[in-house]
Amino acid sequence: MESGAKEEGKVLGYNSKKVKKVAILSTLAALLDDPILADVPKKPSLSDVDILINVELGSAMCISIFKLDGTSFDVAVMNSATVKDLKLAIKKKVIELEQSKMGHRHISWRHVWANFCLAHHNGKLLDDDAALHDFGVRNNYQVHFLPYVVSKGSGRHSKRRKHRFFHGLSKLS
């Protein structure tokens, strides 16, 4: 009888771990469905929760990002964040939104940042290493996308050279 009780205890112990995990996940799902926690992502990482706590404490800011189609979304970054940090937060949020709507979809962020820039009060946020507070971006401010074309003077987008595969053969004939 005792061996049966030990065996049953092992089975209950194994099942209790599964039960605890299921209970924690169901509690987490119930908490995330609460309207007060609507800004927490469905599968939050530790950094997501940390930034949201810092927003509540005042050491991080929530910024509204307006897209060209008129829609917007909010991202949270630390008060000491740079433009690059804001771009990474935007990338993470957009990927999360796209995943929830349409599943996996590839976005070329190199193309996005080459053709569009972020702006605040008509000031373009072009320097990735500059702090957001240098541009006057504060908590609950709005940043929007603008079409952006790099000038020829910067040398970044020069005329493309023609690739002539047979250019050496034309001299012979």
N, C-alpha and C. Protein backbone atom coordinates (compact mmCIF):
# COMPACT_ATOMS: atom_id res chain seq x y z
N MET A 1 0.81 -1.18 0.00
CA MET A 1 0.00 0.00 0.00
C MET A 1 0.86 1.25 0.00
N GLU A 2 1.98 1.21 0.75
CA GLU A 2 2.83 2.37 0.83
C GLU A 2 3.49 2.66 -0.52
N SER A 3 3.87 1.60 -1.21
CA SER A 3 4.49 1.83 -2.52
C SER A 3 3.49 2.46 -3.48
N GLY A 4 2.23 2.10 -3.36
CA GLY A 4 1.19 2.71 -4.20
C GLY A 4 1.00 4.18 -3.85
N ALA A 5 1.12 4.52 -2.56
CA ALA A 5 0.98 5.91 -2.12
C ALA A 5 2.17 6.73 -2.62
N LYS A 6 3.39 6.15 -2.56
CA LYS A 6 4.57 6.86 -3.07
C LYS A 6 4.44 7.09 -4.57
N GLU A 7 4.01 6.06 -5.27
CA GLU A 7 3.84 6.17 -6.72
C GLU A 7 2.79 7.23 -7.05
N GLU A 8 1.70 7.23 -6.27
CA GLU A 8 0.66 8.23 -6.48
C GLU A 8 1.18 9.63 -6.18
N GLY A 9 2.04 9.76 -5.14
CA GLY A 9 2.63 11.05 -4.79
C GLY A 9 3.53 11.56 -5.90
N LYS A 10 4.29 10.65 -6.52
CA LYS A 10 5.15 11.06 -7.64
C LYS A 10 4.31 11.56 -8.79
N VAL A 11 3.23 10.85 -9.07
CA VAL A 11 2.36 11.26 -10.16
C VAL A 11 1.71 12.59 -9.84
N LEU A 12 1.24 12.76 -8.60
CA LEU A 12 0.64 14.03 -8.20
C LEU A 12 1.67 15.15 -8.23
N GLY A 13 2.91 14.84 -7.79
CA GLY A 13 3.97 15.85 -7.83
C GLY A 13 4.25 16.30 -9.25
N TYR A 14 4.31 15.35 -10.16
CA TYR A 14 4.54 15.67 -11.56
C TYR A 14 3.38 16.47 -12.12
N ASN A 15 2.18 16.02 -11.81
CA ASN A 15 1.00 16.74 -12.28
C ASN A 15 0.86 18.09 -11.61
N SER A 16 1.32 18.21 -10.35
CA SER A 16 1.17 19.48 -9.67
C SER A 16 2.04 20.55 -10.33
N LYS A 17 3.20 20.19 -10.87
CA LYS A 17 4.03 21.16 -11.60
C LYS A 17 3.30 21.65 -12.84
N LYS A 18 2.68 20.69 -13.54
CA LYS A 18 1.91 21.08 -14.72
C LYS A 18 0.73 21.94 -14.33
N VAL A 19 0.09 21.57 -13.24
CA VAL A 19 -1.07 22.33 -12.76
C VAL A 19 -0.66 23.73 -12.36
N LYS A 20 0.48 23.86 -11.68
CA LYS A 20 0.97 25.18 -11.28
C LYS A 20 1.28 26.04 -12.50
N LYS A 21 1.90 25.43 -13.50
CA LYS A 21 2.25 26.18 -14.71
C LYS A 21 0.99 26.65 -15.44
N VAL A 22 0.00 25.77 -15.54
CA VAL A 22 -1.26 26.12 -16.18
C VAL A 22 -1.96 27.21 -15.39
N ALA A 23 -1.93 27.10 -14.05
CA ALA A 23 -2.56 28.11 -13.20
C ALA A 23 -1.89 29.47 -13.36
N ILE A 24 -0.56 29.48 -13.44
CA ILE A 24 0.16 30.74 -13.62
C ILE A 24 -0.15 31.35 -14.97
N LEU A 25 -0.15 30.52 -16.00
CA LEU A 25 -0.46 31.04 -17.35
C LEU A 25 -1.89 31.55 -17.45
N SER A 26 -2.83 30.87 -16.81
CA SER A 26 -4.22 31.34 -16.86
C SER A 26 -4.37 32.63 -16.05
N THR A 27 -3.66 32.74 -14.92
CA THR A 27 -3.69 33.98 -14.14
C THR A 27 -3.07 35.13 -14.93
N LEU A 28 -1.97 34.86 -15.60
CA LEU A 28 -1.33 35.88 -16.43
C LEU A 28 -2.25 36.32 -17.56
N ALA A 29 -2.92 35.38 -18.20
CA ALA A 29 -3.86 35.72 -19.28
C ALA A 29 -5.01 36.54 -18.75
N ALA A 30 -5.52 36.19 -17.57
CA ALA A 30 -6.62 36.97 -16.98
C ALA A 30 -6.16 38.38 -16.62
N LEU A 31 -4.93 38.52 -16.12
CA LEU A 31 -4.40 39.85 -15.80
C LEU A 31 -4.23 40.69 -17.06
N LEU A 32 -3.74 40.08 -18.13
CA LEU A 32 -3.49 40.83 -19.36
C LEU A 32 -4.79 41.22 -20.05
N ASP A 33 -5.90 40.53 -19.75
CA ASP A 33 -7.19 40.90 -20.31
C ASP A 33 -7.83 42.06 -19.55
N ASP A 34 -7.28 42.41 -18.41
CA ASP A 34 -7.81 43.52 -17.62
C ASP A 34 -7.60 44.84 -18.39
N PRO A 35 -8.62 45.71 -18.47
CA PRO A 35 -8.47 46.96 -19.23
C PRO A 35 -7.40 47.89 -18.67
N ILE A 36 -7.09 47.78 -17.41
CA ILE A 36 -6.05 48.62 -16.82
C ILE A 36 -4.68 48.27 -17.41
N LEU A 37 -4.49 47.00 -17.74
CA LEU A 37 -3.22 46.54 -18.30
C LEU A 37 -3.29 46.38 -19.81
N ALA A 38 -4.08 47.21 -20.47
CA ALA A 38 -4.27 47.09 -21.92
C ALA A 38 -2.99 47.40 -22.69
N ASP A 39 -2.08 48.19 -22.12
CA ASP A 39 -0.86 48.56 -22.84
C ASP A 39 0.24 47.50 -22.74
N VAL A 40 0.02 46.45 -21.95
CA VAL A 40 1.00 45.37 -21.84
C VAL A 40 0.80 44.42 -23.01
N PRO A 41 1.88 44.07 -23.71
CA PRO A 41 1.75 43.13 -24.83
C PRO A 41 1.24 41.77 -24.37
N LYS A 42 0.71 40.99 -25.31
CA LYS A 42 0.16 39.67 -24.96
C LYS A 42 1.23 38.71 -24.45
N LYS A 43 2.41 38.76 -25.02
CA LYS A 43 3.53 37.95 -24.52
C LYS A 43 4.64 38.90 -24.11
N PRO A 44 4.53 39.50 -22.92
CA PRO A 44 5.50 40.53 -22.53
C PRO A 44 6.86 39.95 -22.18
N SER A 45 7.89 40.70 -22.53
CA SER A 45 9.23 40.34 -22.10
C SER A 45 9.53 41.14 -20.83
N LEU A 46 10.63 40.83 -20.20
CA LEU A 46 11.00 41.53 -18.98
C LEU A 46 11.26 43.01 -19.26
N SER A 47 11.86 43.32 -20.41
CA SER A 47 12.14 44.72 -20.74
C SER A 47 10.84 45.50 -20.99
N ASP A 48 9.83 44.84 -21.60
CA ASP A 48 8.53 45.49 -21.80
C ASP A 48 7.91 45.89 -20.47
N VAL A 49 7.90 44.96 -19.54
CA VAL A 49 7.31 45.23 -18.23
C VAL A 49 8.12 46.29 -17.50
N ASP A 50 9.45 46.23 -17.60
CA ASP A 50 10.31 47.20 -16.94
C ASP A 50 10.04 48.62 -17.46
N ILE A 51 9.92 48.77 -18.77
CA ILE A 51 9.66 50.10 -19.34
C ILE A 51 8.28 50.61 -18.93
N LEU A 52 7.29 49.73 -18.92
CA LEU A 52 5.95 50.16 -18.51
C LEU A 52 5.91 50.56 -17.03
N ILE A 53 6.67 49.88 -16.20
CA ILE A 53 6.77 50.29 -14.79
C ILE A 53 7.45 51.64 -14.70
N ASN A 54 8.51 51.85 -15.49
CA ASN A 54 9.21 53.13 -15.49
C ASN A 54 8.33 54.27 -16.02
N VAL A 55 7.41 53.97 -16.95
CA VAL A 55 6.46 54.99 -17.41
C VAL A 55 5.60 55.43 -16.24
N GLU A 56 5.14 54.47 -15.45
CA GLU A 56 4.30 54.80 -14.30
C GLU A 56 5.09 55.58 -13.25
N LEU A 57 6.38 55.28 -13.11
CA LEU A 57 7.21 55.97 -12.13
C LEU A 57 7.71 57.32 -12.64
N GLY A 58 7.60 57.57 -13.94
CA GLY A 58 8.01 58.86 -14.50
C GLY A 58 9.40 58.87 -15.09
N SER A 59 10.10 57.76 -15.10
CA SER A 59 11.45 57.73 -15.67
C SER A 59 11.47 57.22 -17.10
N ALA A 60 10.30 57.02 -17.68
CA ALA A 60 10.17 56.64 -19.09
C ALA A 60 8.99 57.42 -19.66
N MET A 61 8.92 57.47 -20.98
CA MET A 61 7.85 58.23 -21.63
C MET A 61 7.14 57.40 -22.67
N CYS A 62 5.88 57.75 -22.86
CA CYS A 62 5.05 57.11 -23.86
C CYS A 62 4.89 58.09 -25.01
N ILE A 63 5.19 57.67 -26.21
CA ILE A 63 5.17 58.55 -27.39
C ILE A 63 4.20 57.98 -28.40
N SER A 64 3.36 58.83 -28.97
CA SER A 64 2.42 58.41 -30.01
C SER A 64 3.11 58.56 -31.37
N ILE A 65 3.06 57.51 -32.17
CA ILE A 65 3.67 57.51 -33.49
C ILE A 65 2.54 57.54 -34.51
N PHE A 66 2.53 58.56 -35.37
CA PHE A 66 1.52 58.70 -36.41
C PHE A 66 2.10 58.26 -37.74
N LYS A 67 1.42 57.31 -38.38
CA LYS A 67 1.87 56.80 -39.67
C LYS A 67 1.29 57.67 -40.77
N LEU A 68 1.76 57.45 -41.99
CA LEU A 68 1.31 58.25 -43.13
C LEU A 68 -0.15 58.00 -43.49
N ASP A 69 -0.68 56.83 -43.14
CA ASP A 69 -2.08 56.54 -43.46
C ASP A 69 -3.05 57.10 -42.43
N GLY A 70 -2.55 57.83 -41.44
CA GLY A 70 -3.40 58.47 -40.45
C GLY A 70 -3.59 57.67 -39.18
N THR A 71 -3.18 56.42 -39.15
CA THR A 71 -3.30 55.62 -37.95
C THR A 71 -2.14 55.91 -37.02
N SER A 72 -2.28 55.51 -35.77
CA SER A 72 -1.21 55.75 -34.81
C SER A 72 -1.11 54.58 -33.83
N PHE A 73 -0.01 54.54 -33.14
CA PHE A 73 0.22 53.57 -32.08
C PHE A 73 1.17 54.21 -31.08
N ASP A 74 1.21 53.65 -29.89
CA ASP A 74 2.04 54.20 -28.83
C ASP A 74 3.22 53.27 -28.55
N VAL A 75 4.37 53.88 -28.28
CA VAL A 75 5.55 53.14 -27.85
C VAL A 75 6.07 53.79 -26.57
N ALA A 76 6.74 53.00 -25.76
CA ALA A 76 7.33 53.49 -24.52
C ALA A 76 8.83 53.35 -24.58
N VAL A 77 9.53 54.43 -24.24
CA VAL A 77 11.00 54.42 -24.19
C VAL A 77 11.44 55.17 -22.94
N MET A 78 12.66 54.93 -22.53
CA MET A 78 13.20 55.61 -21.36
C MET A 78 13.38 57.10 -21.65
N ASN A 79 13.43 57.93 -20.62
CA ASN A 79 13.61 59.38 -20.81
C ASN A 79 14.95 59.70 -21.44
N SER A 80 15.94 58.86 -21.25
CA SER A 80 17.29 59.09 -21.79
C SER A 80 17.47 58.44 -23.16
N ALA A 81 16.38 58.03 -23.80
CA ALA A 81 16.47 57.28 -25.06
C ALA A 81 16.98 58.16 -26.20
N THR A 82 17.62 57.49 -27.16
CA THR A 82 18.08 58.16 -28.37
C THR A 82 17.08 57.89 -29.50
N VAL A 83 17.33 58.51 -30.64
CA VAL A 83 16.48 58.27 -31.81
C VAL A 83 16.56 56.80 -32.22
N LYS A 84 17.73 56.21 -32.10
CA LYS A 84 17.88 54.80 -32.44
C LYS A 84 17.03 53.92 -31.53
N ASP A 85 16.97 54.24 -30.23
CA ASP A 85 16.13 53.50 -29.30
C ASP A 85 14.66 53.61 -29.69
N LEU A 86 14.25 54.81 -30.11
CA LEU A 86 12.87 55.01 -30.55
C LEU A 86 12.58 54.18 -31.80
N LYS A 87 13.52 54.15 -32.74
CA LYS A 87 13.34 53.35 -33.95
C LYS A 87 13.22 51.87 -33.62
N LEU A 88 14.02 51.39 -32.69
CA LEU A 88 13.94 49.98 -32.28
C LEU A 88 12.61 49.68 -31.61
N ALA A 89 12.11 50.62 -30.80
CA ALA A 89 10.81 50.43 -30.15
C ALA A 89 9.69 50.41 -31.19
N ILE A 90 9.80 51.28 -32.20
CA ILE A 90 8.80 51.31 -33.28
C ILE A 90 8.83 49.99 -34.04
N LYS A 91 10.03 49.53 -34.36
CA LYS A 91 10.17 48.27 -35.09
C LYS A 91 9.54 47.12 -34.32
N LYS A 92 9.82 47.05 -33.02
CA LYS A 92 9.28 45.99 -32.18
C LYS A 92 7.75 46.06 -32.11
N LYS A 93 7.21 47.27 -31.97
CA LYS A 93 5.76 47.43 -31.86
C LYS A 93 5.07 47.09 -33.17
N VAL A 94 5.63 47.52 -34.30
CA VAL A 94 5.02 47.24 -35.60
C VAL A 94 5.05 45.74 -35.88
N ILE A 95 6.14 45.09 -35.57
CA ILE A 95 6.22 43.64 -35.77
C ILE A 95 5.18 42.94 -34.90
N GLU A 96 5.02 43.39 -33.66
CA GLU A 96 4.01 42.82 -32.77
C GLU A 96 2.61 43.02 -33.32
N LEU A 97 2.32 44.22 -33.83
CA LEU A 97 0.99 44.51 -34.40
C LEU A 97 0.74 43.67 -35.65
N GLU A 98 1.74 43.55 -36.52
CA GLU A 98 1.60 42.77 -37.74
C GLU A 98 1.40 41.29 -37.42
N GLN A 99 2.12 40.80 -36.41
CA GLN A 99 1.97 39.40 -36.02
C GLN A 99 0.56 39.11 -35.54
N SER A 100 -0.01 40.03 -34.77
CA SER A 100 -1.34 39.80 -34.23
C SER A 100 -2.42 39.90 -35.30
N LYS A 101 -2.18 40.70 -36.35
CA LYS A 101 -3.18 40.88 -37.40
C LYS A 101 -3.07 39.86 -38.51
N MET A 102 -1.86 39.70 -39.05
CA MET A 102 -1.72 38.91 -40.27
C MET A 102 -0.73 37.75 -40.17
N GLY A 103 -0.18 37.51 -39.04
CA GLY A 103 0.82 36.46 -38.95
C GLY A 103 2.18 36.99 -39.36
N HIS A 104 3.08 36.09 -39.72
CA HIS A 104 4.44 36.50 -40.06
C HIS A 104 4.47 37.28 -41.37
N ARG A 105 5.14 38.42 -41.32
CA ARG A 105 5.28 39.26 -42.51
C ARG A 105 6.61 39.98 -42.41
N HIS A 106 7.36 39.99 -43.49
CA HIS A 106 8.69 40.61 -43.48
C HIS A 106 8.59 42.08 -43.88
N ILE A 107 9.19 42.94 -43.09
CA ILE A 107 9.26 44.37 -43.39
C ILE A 107 10.72 44.73 -43.52
N SER A 108 11.08 45.39 -44.61
CA SER A 108 12.45 45.83 -44.81
C SER A 108 12.64 47.17 -44.09
N TRP A 109 13.21 47.12 -42.91
CA TRP A 109 13.40 48.33 -42.14
C TRP A 109 14.48 49.22 -42.74
N ARG A 110 15.41 48.63 -43.44
CA ARG A 110 16.42 49.44 -44.14
C ARG A 110 15.74 50.31 -45.19
N HIS A 111 14.77 49.74 -45.88
CA HIS A 111 14.01 50.50 -46.88
C HIS A 111 13.15 51.59 -46.20
N VAL A 112 12.53 51.24 -45.08
CA VAL A 112 11.69 52.21 -44.37
C VAL A 112 12.51 53.41 -43.94
N TRP A 113 13.66 53.18 -43.29
CA TRP A 113 14.44 54.30 -42.79
C TRP A 113 15.19 55.03 -43.90
N ALA A 114 15.36 54.40 -45.06
CA ALA A 114 15.99 55.09 -46.18
C ALA A 114 15.01 56.04 -46.88
N ASN A 115 13.71 55.74 -46.81
CA ASN A 115 12.72 56.54 -47.53
C ASN A 115 11.83 57.39 -46.63
N PHE A 116 11.84 57.13 -45.34
CA PHE A 116 11.02 57.89 -44.41
C PHE A 116 11.85 58.24 -43.19
N CYS A 117 11.47 59.34 -42.55
CA CYS A 117 12.13 59.72 -41.31
C CYS A 117 11.07 60.10 -40.28
N LEU A 118 11.49 60.17 -39.04
CA LEU A 118 10.60 60.59 -37.97
C LEU A 118 10.73 62.09 -37.80
N ALA A 119 9.63 62.74 -37.45
CA ALA A 119 9.66 64.19 -37.27
C ALA A 119 8.84 64.55 -36.04
N HIS A 120 9.27 65.62 -35.39
CA HIS A 120 8.55 66.18 -34.24
C HIS A 120 8.54 67.69 -34.41
N HIS A 121 7.35 68.28 -34.51
CA HIS A 121 7.20 69.72 -34.76
C HIS A 121 8.03 70.17 -35.96
N ASN A 122 7.93 69.43 -37.05
CA ASN A 122 8.63 69.70 -38.31
C ASN A 122 10.15 69.64 -38.20
N GLY A 123 10.66 69.16 -37.10
CA GLY A 123 12.09 68.92 -36.96
C GLY A 123 12.35 67.45 -37.21
N LYS A 124 13.19 67.16 -38.19
CA LYS A 124 13.46 65.77 -38.55
C LYS A 124 14.45 65.15 -37.57
N LEU A 125 14.13 63.95 -37.13
CA LEU A 125 14.98 63.21 -36.20
C LEU A 125 15.92 62.33 -37.03
N LEU A 126 17.00 62.93 -37.53
CA LEU A 126 17.88 62.23 -38.45
C LEU A 126 19.10 61.60 -37.77
N ASP A 127 19.58 62.20 -36.70
CA ASP A 127 20.77 61.70 -36.03
C ASP A 127 20.38 60.60 -35.05
N ASP A 128 20.78 59.37 -35.36
CA ASP A 128 20.40 58.22 -34.53
C ASP A 128 20.99 58.30 -33.12
N ASP A 129 22.11 58.97 -32.96
CA ASP A 129 22.77 59.02 -31.66
C ASP A 129 22.30 60.18 -30.79
N ALA A 130 21.46 61.06 -31.33
CA ALA A 130 20.97 62.20 -30.56
C ALA A 130 19.87 61.77 -29.60
N ALA A 131 19.85 62.40 -28.44
CA ALA A 131 18.82 62.08 -27.44
C ALA A 131 17.49 62.71 -27.87
N LEU A 132 16.41 62.06 -27.51
CA LEU A 132 15.08 62.56 -27.89
C LEU A 132 14.77 63.90 -27.22
N HIS A 133 15.26 64.08 -25.99
CA HIS A 133 14.96 65.34 -25.31
C HIS A 133 15.66 66.52 -25.98
N ASP A 134 16.71 66.27 -26.78
CA ASP A 134 17.36 67.35 -27.54
C ASP A 134 16.43 67.89 -28.62
N PHE A 135 15.51 67.07 -29.10
CA PHE A 135 14.54 67.50 -30.11
C PHE A 135 13.25 68.01 -29.47
N GLY A 136 13.17 67.99 -28.15
CA GLY A 136 11.98 68.46 -27.47
C GLY A 136 10.91 67.40 -27.31
N VAL A 137 11.23 66.14 -27.49
CA VAL A 137 10.26 65.05 -27.35
C VAL A 137 10.15 64.71 -25.86
N ARG A 138 8.93 64.77 -25.36
CA ARG A 138 8.66 64.48 -23.95
C ARG A 138 7.54 63.44 -23.86
N ASN A 139 7.12 63.14 -22.64
CA ASN A 139 6.06 62.16 -22.40
C ASN A 139 4.75 62.63 -23.04
N ASN A 140 4.05 61.70 -23.66
CA ASN A 140 2.76 61.94 -24.33
C ASN A 140 2.86 62.89 -25.51
N TYR A 141 4.02 63.02 -26.12
CA TYR A 141 4.18 63.83 -27.32
C TYR A 141 3.92 62.96 -28.54
N GLN A 142 3.83 63.64 -29.68
CA GLN A 142 3.55 62.95 -30.94
C GLN A 142 4.74 63.07 -31.88
N VAL A 143 5.05 61.96 -32.51
CA VAL A 143 6.09 61.89 -33.53
C VAL A 143 5.43 61.29 -34.76
N HIS A 144 5.75 61.83 -35.94
CA HIS A 144 5.11 61.31 -37.14
C HIS A 144 6.16 61.01 -38.21
N PHE A 145 5.76 60.14 -39.13
CA PHE A 145 6.62 59.78 -40.25
C PHE A 145 6.50 60.83 -41.33
N LEU A 146 7.60 61.11 -42.00
CA LEU A 146 7.64 61.99 -43.16
C LEU A 146 8.38 61.29 -44.29
N PRO A 147 7.93 61.51 -45.54
CA PRO A 147 8.75 61.00 -46.65
C PRO A 147 10.09 61.74 -46.62
N TYR A 148 11.14 61.02 -46.90
CA TYR A 148 12.47 61.59 -46.79
C TYR A 148 13.31 61.15 -47.97
N VAL A 149 13.89 62.13 -48.66
CA VAL A 149 14.78 61.85 -49.77
C VAL A 149 16.14 62.44 -49.41
N VAL A 150 17.15 61.62 -49.46
CA VAL A 150 18.50 62.07 -49.13
C VAL A 150 19.01 62.93 -50.27
N SER A 151 19.59 64.07 -49.92
CA SER A 151 20.11 64.96 -50.95
C SER A 151 21.37 64.37 -51.57
N LYS A 152 21.68 64.81 -52.79
CA LYS A 152 22.86 64.28 -53.48
C LYS A 152 24.14 64.72 -52.79
N GLY A 153 24.10 65.85 -52.10
CA GLY A 153 25.28 66.36 -51.44
C GLY A 153 25.81 65.45 -50.35
N SER A 154 24.96 64.63 -49.79
CA SER A 154 25.42 63.75 -48.71
C SER A 154 26.23 62.58 -49.25
N GLY A 155 26.09 62.29 -50.54
CA GLY A 155 26.86 61.22 -51.14
C GLY A 155 26.32 59.84 -50.84
N ARG A 156 25.23 59.78 -50.16
CA ARG A 156 24.69 58.47 -49.77
C ARG A 156 24.00 57.79 -50.94
N HIS A 157 23.26 58.57 -51.73
CA HIS A 157 22.57 58.01 -52.88
C HIS A 157 23.13 58.67 -54.15
N SER A 158 24.23 58.17 -54.61
CA SER A 158 24.79 58.71 -55.85
C SER A 158 24.23 57.90 -57.02
N LYS A 159 24.51 58.38 -58.22
CA LYS A 159 24.02 57.66 -59.41
C LYS A 159 24.65 56.28 -59.46
N ARG A 160 23.86 55.34 -59.80
CA ARG A 160 24.32 53.96 -59.88
C ARG A 160 25.15 53.79 -61.14
N ARG A 161 26.27 53.14 -61.00
CA ARG A 161 27.10 52.86 -62.18
C ARG A 161 26.49 51.72 -62.95
N LYS A 162 26.60 51.81 -64.24
CA LYS A 162 26.09 50.73 -65.07
C LYS A 162 27.08 49.57 -65.00
N HIS A 163 26.53 48.41 -64.79
CA HIS A 163 27.37 47.22 -64.76
C HIS A 163 27.45 46.67 -66.18
N ARG A 164 28.60 46.84 -66.75
CA ARG A 164 28.79 46.36 -68.12
C ARG A 164 29.60 45.08 -68.07
N PHE A 165 28.91 44.02 -68.33
CA PHE A 165 29.56 42.71 -68.24
C PHE A 165 30.54 42.51 -69.38
N PHE A 166 30.16 43.00 -70.56
CA PHE A 166 30.98 42.75 -71.74
C PHE A 166 31.76 44.01 -72.17
N HIS A 167 32.07 44.89 -71.25
CA HIS A 167 32.74 46.13 -71.65
C HIS A 167 34.14 45.86 -72.21
N GLY A 168 34.78 44.81 -71.79
CA GLY A 168 36.11 44.50 -72.33
C GLY A 168 36.03 43.94 -73.75
N LEU A 169 34.94 43.32 -74.11
CA LEU A 169 34.80 42.74 -75.44
C LEU A 169 34.54 43.80 -76.49
N SER A 170 33.94 44.90 -76.10
CA SER A 170 33.62 45.94 -77.09
C SER A 170 34.90 46.59 -77.63
N LYS A 171 36.00 46.60 -76.90
CA LYS A 171 37.25 47.18 -77.37
C LYS A 171 37.89 46.32 -78.46
N LEU A 172 37.65 45.03 -78.43
CA LEU A 172 38.24 44.12 -79.39
C LEU A 172 37.58 44.22 -80.75
N SER A 173 36.31 44.56 -80.81
CA SER A 173 35.63 44.56 -82.10
C SER A 173 35.70 45.89 -82.81
